[in-house]
Amino acid sequence: METAHRTMADLLAKAPIDRRLAEIIRPTVEGMGFSLVRVRLMGSRRGTLQVMAERPDGRMEIDDCADLSRALSAVLDVEDPIDGEYTLEVSSPGIDRPLTRLEDFERWKGWTAKLETDALIDGRKRFTGALGGLDGDTVLIALESGPARVPFEALSDARLVLTDALIEASLKAQRDKGFDETRFDDIEVEDGEDAGDDRREPQEPRP
């Protein structure tokens, strides 16, 4: 159980700074009714803090991104965990979403995914095929060569593969929920900027 928890943290937030940032922002994310999907601080001179989140039903609309961005910006201003300038980017996981939590593999059972491991599992490190759900803490996946079992604790990366069927299913689900497809699903927010505009205008860097 301890190993699975540690690996889940590694998939959701890989680097030590990512894990520290996840600890800081998680209470705010969850307190607003969202689930944290992934945290990444990318770049060096002017970094981008990417936060992926979603509601329990999988929705993450432009207003959700804006509201969460404002709240996280306030928290990060107080904690000040990042040296130098950076851009805060809050978004939905997207269609070809990363799979970072154990429950993701059951939720997306039947869809094509790409898994990667650091160590060899049955002579390979990459697995692409239809997810078969979970057997305890083991991910089941159907490869062209046959079924395979990948321990969750062995994963270094996992995501859905963008297929026509996945795109169509995603669009249908959004239409069923009344989602406006003409609007973006992510937004960038800087100090003093109004996050309510769904057009991503150039932003000033955060100090």
C-alpha atoms as a PDB file:
ATOM      1  CA  MET A   1       0.000   0.000   0.000  1.00  0.00           C
ATOM      2  CA  GLU A   2       2.852   2.353   0.831  1.00  0.00           C
ATOM      3  CA  THR A   3       4.531   1.649  -2.515  1.00  0.00           C
ATOM      4  CA  ALA A   4       1.324   2.292  -4.493  1.00  0.00           C
ATOM      5  CA  HIS A   5       0.784   5.603  -2.703  1.00  0.00           C
ATOM      6  CA  ARG A   6       4.352   6.675  -3.432  1.00  0.00           C
ATOM      7  CA  THR A   7       4.041   5.735  -7.111  1.00  0.00           C
ATOM      8  CA  MET A   8       0.713   7.530  -7.448  1.00  0.00           C
ATOM      9  CA  ALA A   9       2.438  10.662  -6.191  1.00  0.00           C
ATOM     10  CA  ASP A  10       5.223  10.103  -8.728  1.00  0.00           C
ATOM     11  CA  LEU A  11       2.760   9.879 -11.637  1.00  0.00           C
ATOM     12  CA  LEU A  12       0.699  12.829 -10.490  1.00  0.00           C
ATOM     13  CA  ALA A  13       3.744  14.897  -9.540  1.00  0.00           C
ATOM     14  CA  LYS A  14       7.094  13.443 -10.588  1.00  0.00           C
ATOM     15  CA  ALA A  15       9.854  15.801  -9.435  1.00  0.00           C
ATOM     16  CA  PRO A  16      10.344  16.781  -5.776  1.00  0.00           C
ATOM     17  CA  ILE A  17       9.242  20.357  -6.539  1.00  0.00           C
ATOM     18  CA  ASP A  18       6.111  19.010  -8.260  1.00  0.00           C
ATOM     19  CA  ARG A  19       5.271  16.933  -5.194  1.00  0.00           C
ATOM     20  CA  ARG A  20       5.815  19.955  -2.944  1.00  0.00           C
ATOM     21  CA  LEU A  21       3.544  22.055  -5.166  1.00  0.00           C
ATOM     22  CA  ALA A  22       0.891  19.326  -5.155  1.00  0.00           C
ATOM     23  CA  GLU A  23       0.903  19.337  -1.354  1.00  0.00           C
ATOM     24  CA  ILE A  24       0.414  23.096  -1.335  1.00  0.00           C
ATOM     25  CA  ILE A  25      -2.403  23.299  -3.873  1.00  0.00           C
ATOM     26  CA  ARG A  26      -4.286  20.038  -3.226  1.00  0.00           C
ATOM     27  CA  PRO A  27      -6.391  21.383  -0.300  1.00  0.00           C
ATOM     28  CA  THR A  28      -7.590  24.289  -2.454  1.00  0.00           C
ATOM     29  CA  VAL A  29      -8.244  22.099  -5.494  1.00  0.00           C
ATOM     30  CA  GLU A  30     -10.231  19.534  -3.533  1.00  0.00           C
ATOM     31  CA  GLY A  31     -11.924  22.173  -1.391  1.00  0.00           C
ATOM     32  CA  MET A  32     -13.404  23.671  -4.567  1.00  0.00           C
ATOM     33  CA  GLY A  33     -14.809  20.307  -5.645  1.00  0.00           C
ATOM     34  CA  PHE A  34     -12.121  19.303  -8.150  1.00  0.00           C
ATOM     35  CA  SER A  35      -9.733  16.363  -8.326  1.00  0.00           C
ATOM     36  CA  LEU A  36      -6.039  16.957  -8.969  1.00  0.00           C
ATOM     37  CA  VAL A  37      -4.857  15.018 -12.029  1.00  0.00           C
ATOM     38  CA  ARG A  38      -1.303  16.228 -12.635  1.00  0.00           C
ATOM     39  CA  VAL A  39       1.171  18.899 -11.511  1.00  0.00           C
ATOM     40  CA  ARG A  40       4.270  19.804 -13.533  1.00  0.00           C
ATOM     41  CA  LEU A  41       6.705  22.710 -13.279  1.00  0.00           C
ATOM     42  CA  MET A  42       8.266  22.892 -16.744  1.00  0.00           C
ATOM     43  CA  GLY A  43      11.062  25.039 -18.132  1.00  0.00           C
ATOM     44  CA  SER A  44      13.930  26.759 -16.354  1.00  0.00           C
ATOM     45  CA  ARG A  45      14.410  30.475 -17.088  1.00  0.00           C
ATOM     46  CA  ARG A  46      10.699  31.202 -17.280  1.00  0.00           C
ATOM     47  CA  GLY A  47       8.836  28.138 -16.141  1.00  0.00           C
ATOM     48  CA  THR A  48       5.238  27.088 -16.577  1.00  0.00           C
ATOM     49  CA  LEU A  49       3.372  25.553 -13.673  1.00  0.00           C
ATOM     50  CA  GLN A  50       0.852  23.235 -15.291  1.00  0.00           C
ATOM     51  CA  VAL A  51      -2.038  22.094 -13.127  1.00  0.00           C
ATOM     52  CA  MET A  52      -4.525  19.577 -14.546  1.00  0.00           C
ATOM     53  CA  ALA A  53      -7.771  19.107 -12.665  1.00  0.00           C
ATOM     54  CA  GLU A  54     -11.349  18.001 -13.217  1.00  0.00           C
ATOM     55  CA  ARG A  55     -14.684  17.636 -11.497  1.00  0.00           C
ATOM     56  CA  PRO A  56     -15.768  14.164 -10.313  1.00  0.00           C
ATOM     57  CA  ASP A  57     -17.871  13.742 -13.474  1.00  0.00           C
ATOM     58  CA  GLY A  58     -14.888  14.609 -15.679  1.00  0.00           C
ATOM     59  CA  ARG A  59     -16.004  18.150 -16.580  1.00  0.00           C
ATOM     60  CA  MET A  60     -13.558  21.047 -16.573  1.00  0.00           C
ATOM     61  CA  GLU A  61     -14.939  24.087 -18.348  1.00  0.00           C
ATOM     62  CA  ILE A  62     -13.428  27.500 -18.958  1.00  0.00           C
ATOM     63  CA  ASP A  63     -15.131  29.060 -15.932  1.00  0.00           C
ATOM     64  CA  ASP A  64     -13.865  26.216 -13.746  1.00  0.00           C
ATOM     65  CA  CYS A  65     -10.325  26.850 -14.968  1.00  0.00           C
ATOM     66  CA  ALA A  66     -10.679  30.571 -14.302  1.00  0.00           C
ATOM     67  CA  ASP A  67     -12.063  30.105 -10.795  1.00  0.00           C
ATOM     68  CA  LEU A  68      -9.407  27.569  -9.850  1.00  0.00           C
ATOM     69  CA  SER A  69      -6.644  29.684 -11.387  1.00  0.00           C
ATOM     70  CA  ARG A  70      -7.572  32.679  -9.259  1.00  0.00           C
ATOM     71  CA  ALA A  71      -7.715  30.597  -6.098  1.00  0.00           C
ATOM     72  CA  LEU A  72      -4.390  28.857  -6.762  1.00  0.00           C
ATOM     73  CA  SER A  73      -2.715  32.120  -7.674  1.00  0.00           C
ATOM     74  CA  ALA A  74      -3.626  33.509  -4.250  1.00  0.00           C
ATOM     75  CA  VAL A  75      -2.323  30.414  -2.463  1.00  0.00           C
ATOM     76  CA  LEU A  76       0.947  30.403  -4.411  1.00  0.00           C
ATOM     77  CA  ASP A  77       1.476  34.103  -3.746  1.00  0.00           C
ATOM     78  CA  VAL A  78       1.334  33.408  -0.016  1.00  0.00           C
ATOM     79  CA  GLU A  79       3.446  30.226  -0.031  1.00  0.00           C
ATOM     80  CA  ASP A  80       5.883  31.478  -2.714  1.00  0.00           C
ATOM     81  CA  PRO A  81       7.361  27.996  -3.397  1.00  0.00           C
ATOM     82  CA  ILE A  82       8.889  28.752  -6.824  1.00  0.00           C
ATOM     83  CA  ASP A  83      12.070  30.727  -7.402  1.00  0.00           C
ATOM     84  CA  GLY A  84      12.002  33.102 -10.362  1.00  0.00           C
ATOM     85  CA  GLU A  85       9.329  33.913 -12.910  1.00  0.00           C
ATOM     86  CA  TYR A  86       6.691  31.431 -13.993  1.00  0.00           C
ATOM     87  CA  THR A  87       3.303  31.184 -15.659  1.00  0.00           C
ATOM     88  CA  LEU A  88       0.396  29.419 -13.989  1.00  0.00           C
ATOM     89  CA  GLU A  89      -1.615  27.285 -16.419  1.00  0.00           C
ATOM     90  CA  VAL A  90      -4.758  25.486 -15.270  1.00  0.00           C
ATOM     91  CA  SER A  91      -6.390  23.072 -17.701  1.00  0.00           C
ATOM     92  CA  SER A  92      -8.495  19.977 -18.114  1.00  0.00           C
ATOM     93  CA  PRO A  93      -6.613  16.702 -18.651  1.00  0.00           C
ATOM     94  CA  GLY A  94      -7.580  16.759 -22.344  1.00  0.00           C
ATOM     95  CA  ILE A  95      -8.828  13.929 -24.513  1.00  0.00           C
ATOM     96  CA  ASP A  96      -5.563  11.953 -24.612  1.00  0.00           C
ATOM     97  CA  ARG A  97      -5.320  12.426 -20.879  1.00  0.00           C
ATOM     98  CA  PRO A  98      -2.554  11.232 -18.571  1.00  0.00           C
ATOM     99  CA  LEU A  99      -3.531   8.361 -16.300  1.00  0.00           C
ATOM    100  CA  THR A 100      -2.046   9.203 -12.918  1.00  0.00           C
ATOM    101  CA  ARG A 101      -4.346   7.607 -10.364  1.00  0.00           C
ATOM    102  CA  LEU A 102      -5.162   3.961  -9.774  1.00  0.00           C
ATOM    103  CA  GLU A 103      -8.858   4.550 -10.404  1.00  0.00           C
ATOM    104  CA  ASP A 104      -8.096   6.048 -13.838  1.00  0.00           C
ATOM    105  CA  PHE A 105      -7.305   2.595 -15.210  1.00  0.00           C
ATOM    106  CA  GLU A 106     -10.695   1.241 -14.173  1.00  0.00           C
ATOM    107  CA  ARG A 107     -12.554   4.359 -15.307  1.00  0.00           C
ATOM    108  CA  TRP A 108     -11.050   4.167 -18.815  1.00  0.00           C
ATOM    109  CA  LYS A 109     -11.338   0.403 -19.189  1.00  0.00           C
ATOM    110  CA  GLY A 110     -11.756  -0.604 -22.830  1.00  0.00           C
ATOM    111  CA  TRP A 111      -9.927   2.424 -24.264  1.00  0.00           C
ATOM    112  CA  THR A 112      -6.487   2.285 -25.861  1.00  0.00           C
ATOM    113  CA  ALA A 113      -3.653   3.434 -23.626  1.00  0.00           C
ATOM    114  CA  LYS A 114       0.128   3.652 -23.726  1.00  0.00           C
ATOM    115  CA  LEU A 115       1.999   2.596 -20.594  1.00  0.00           C
ATOM    116  CA  GLU A 116       5.695   2.970 -19.824  1.00  0.00           C
ATOM    117  CA  THR A 117       7.802   1.482 -17.056  1.00  0.00           C
ATOM    118  CA  ASP A 118      11.321   2.191 -15.809  1.00  0.00           C
ATOM    119  CA  ALA A 119      12.205  -1.495 -15.469  1.00  0.00           C
ATOM    120  CA  LEU A 120      11.521  -4.345 -17.853  1.00  0.00           C
ATOM    121  CA  ILE A 121       8.207  -6.152 -17.368  1.00  0.00           C
ATOM    122  CA  ASP A 122       8.092  -9.417 -19.308  1.00  0.00           C
ATOM    123  CA  GLY A 123      10.972  -8.138 -21.449  1.00  0.00           C
ATOM    124  CA  ARG A 124       9.519  -4.756 -22.357  1.00  0.00           C
ATOM    125  CA  LYS A 125       9.069  -1.221 -21.031  1.00  0.00           C
ATOM    126  CA  ARG A 126       6.299   0.009 -23.344  1.00  0.00           C
ATOM    127  CA  PHE A 127       2.776  -1.365 -23.579  1.00  0.00           C
ATOM    128  CA  THR A 128       0.055  -0.169 -25.967  1.00  0.00           C
ATOM    129  CA  GLY A 129      -3.378  -1.730 -26.074  1.00  0.00           C
ATOM    130  CA  ALA A 130      -6.899  -1.736 -24.664  1.00  0.00           C
ATOM    131  CA  LEU A 131      -7.102  -1.271 -20.917  1.00  0.00           C
ATOM    132  CA  GLY A 132      -8.658  -4.204 -19.111  1.00  0.00           C
ATOM    133  CA  GLY A 133      -9.171  -2.514 -15.778  1.00  0.00           C
ATOM    134  CA  LEU A 134      -7.466  -3.573 -12.575  1.00  0.00           C
ATOM    135  CA  ASP A 135      -6.639  -6.712 -10.681  1.00  0.00           C
ATOM    136  CA  GLY A 136      -5.833  -5.281  -7.283  1.00  0.00           C
ATOM    137  CA  ASP A 137      -2.951  -2.861  -7.896  1.00  0.00           C
ATOM    138  CA  THR A 138      -2.086  -4.411 -11.271  1.00  0.00           C
ATOM    139  CA  VAL A 139      -3.110  -2.775 -14.549  1.00  0.00           C
ATOM    140  CA  LEU A 140      -4.491  -5.167 -17.162  1.00  0.00           C
ATOM    141  CA  ILE A 141      -3.889  -4.349 -20.825  1.00  0.00           C
ATOM    142  CA  ALA A 142      -4.596  -6.286 -24.023  1.00  0.00           C
ATOM    143  CA  LEU A 143      -1.629  -6.104 -26.410  1.00  0.00           C
ATOM    144  CA  GLU A 144      -1.529  -7.376 -29.981  1.00  0.00           C
ATOM    145  CA  SER A 145       0.601 -10.220 -28.671  1.00  0.00           C
ATOM    146  CA  GLY A 146      -1.871 -11.048 -25.915  1.00  0.00           C
ATOM    147  CA  PRO A 147      -2.902  -9.912 -22.436  1.00  0.00           C
ATOM    148  CA  ALA A 148      -0.328  -8.314 -20.147  1.00  0.00           C
ATOM    149  CA  ARG A 149      -0.198  -7.328 -16.503  1.00  0.00           C
ATOM    150  CA  VAL A 150       1.678  -4.213 -15.398  1.00  0.00           C
ATOM    151  CA  PRO A 151       2.046  -3.469 -11.675  1.00  0.00           C
ATOM    152  CA  PHE A 152       0.872   0.054 -10.953  1.00  0.00           C
ATOM    153  CA  GLU A 153       3.993   0.600  -8.834  1.00  0.00           C
ATOM    154  CA  ALA A 154       6.159  -0.076 -11.907  1.00  0.00           C
ATOM    155  CA  LEU A 155       4.620   2.657 -14.105  1.00  0.00           C
ATOM    156  CA  SER A 156       6.654   5.730 -15.017  1.00  0.00           C
ATOM    157  CA  ASP A 157       4.077   7.182 -17.428  1.00  0.00           C
ATOM    158  CA  ALA A 158       0.604   6.329 -18.717  1.00  0.00           C
ATOM    159  CA  ARG A 159      -1.910   8.075 -20.972  1.00  0.00           C
ATOM    160  CA  LEU A 160      -4.814   7.433 -23.305  1.00  0.00           C
ATOM    161  CA  VAL A 161      -4.040   7.177 -27.023  1.00  0.00           C
ATOM    162  CA  LEU A 162      -5.855   9.693 -29.205  1.00  0.00           C
ATOM    163  CA  THR A 163      -8.141   7.727 -31.526  1.00  0.00           C
ATOM    164  CA  ASP A 164     -11.154   8.697 -33.640  1.00  0.00           C
ATOM    165  CA  ALA A 165     -13.397   6.683 -31.329  1.00  0.00           C
ATOM    166  CA  LEU A 166     -12.053   8.464 -28.236  1.00  0.00           C
ATOM    167  CA  ILE A 167     -12.507  11.883 -29.846  1.00  0.00           C
ATOM    168  CA  GLU A 168     -16.084  11.104 -30.862  1.00  0.00           C
ATOM    169  CA  ALA A 169     -16.948   9.705 -27.425  1.00  0.00           C
ATOM    170  CA  SER A 170     -15.443  12.749 -25.729  1.00  0.00           C
ATOM    171  CA  LEU A 171     -17.362  15.191 -27.931  1.00  0.00           C
ATOM    172  CA  LYS A 172     -20.608  13.268 -27.395  1.00  0.00           C
ATOM    173  CA  ALA A 173     -20.106  13.306 -23.625  1.00  0.00           C
ATOM    174  CA  GLN A 174     -19.448  17.044 -23.671  1.00  0.00           C
ATOM    175  CA  ARG A 175     -22.520  17.681 -25.820  1.00  0.00           C
ATOM    176  CA  ASP A 176     -24.641  15.586 -23.464  1.00  0.00           C
ATOM    177  CA  LYS A 177     -23.440  17.762 -20.577  1.00  0.00           C
ATOM    178  CA  GLY A 178     -24.237  20.960 -22.475  1.00  0.00           C
ATOM    179  CA  PHE A 179     -20.597  21.905 -23.026  1.00  0.00           C
ATOM    180  CA  ASP A 180     -19.967  24.795 -25.444  1.00  0.00           C
ATOM    181  CA  GLU A 181     -17.394  23.403 -27.880  1.00  0.00           C
ATOM    182  CA  THR A 182     -16.517  26.881 -29.144  1.00  0.00           C
ATOM    183  CA  ARG A 183     -14.838  27.736 -25.850  1.00  0.00           C
ATOM    184  CA  PHE A 184     -11.342  26.791 -24.666  1.00  0.00           C
ATOM    185  CA  ASP A 185     -10.767  24.341 -21.825  1.00  0.00           C
ATOM    186  CA  ASP A 186      -7.726  25.964 -20.284  1.00  0.00           C
ATOM    187  CA  ILE A 187      -6.508  29.378 -19.226  1.00  0.00           C
ATOM    188  CA  GLU A 188      -3.312  31.049 -18.115  1.00  0.00           C
ATOM    189  CA  VAL A 189      -3.374  33.449 -15.192  1.00  0.00           C
ATOM    190  CA  GLU A 190      -0.803  35.926 -13.927  1.00  0.00           C
ATOM    191  CA  ASP A 191      -0.600  38.262 -10.957  1.00  0.00           C
ATOM    192  CA  GLY A 192      -3.280  40.919 -11.184  1.00  0.00           C
ATOM    193  CA  GLU A 193      -4.851  39.489 -14.339  1.00  0.00           C
ATOM    194  CA  ASP A 194      -8.560  38.810 -14.692  1.00  0.00           C
ATOM    195  CA  ALA A 195      -9.045  35.105 -15.457  1.00  0.00           C
ATOM    196  CA  GLY A 196     -12.611  35.548 -16.626  1.00  0.00           C
ATOM    197  CA  ASP A 197     -11.735  36.138 -20.293  1.00  0.00           C
ATOM    198  CA  ASP A 198     -11.607  32.895 -22.285  1.00  0.00           C
ATOM    199  CA  ARG A 199      -9.174  34.333 -24.825  1.00  0.00           C
ATOM    200  CA  ARG A 200      -5.599  33.494 -23.904  1.00  0.00           C
ATOM    201  CA  GLU A 201      -3.904  36.859 -24.267  1.00  0.00           C
ATOM    202  CA  PRO A 202      -0.143  37.330 -23.696  1.00  0.00           C
ATOM    203  CA  GLN A 203       0.550  37.560 -19.978  1.00  0.00           C
ATOM    204  CA  GLU A 204       3.192  39.177 -17.846  1.00  0.00           C
ATOM    205  CA  PRO A 205       5.428  36.707 -15.992  1.00  0.00           C
ATOM    206  CA  ARG A 206       4.909  36.065 -12.305  1.00  0.00           C
ATOM    207  CA  PRO A 207       7.733  37.317 -10.097  1.00  0.00           C
END
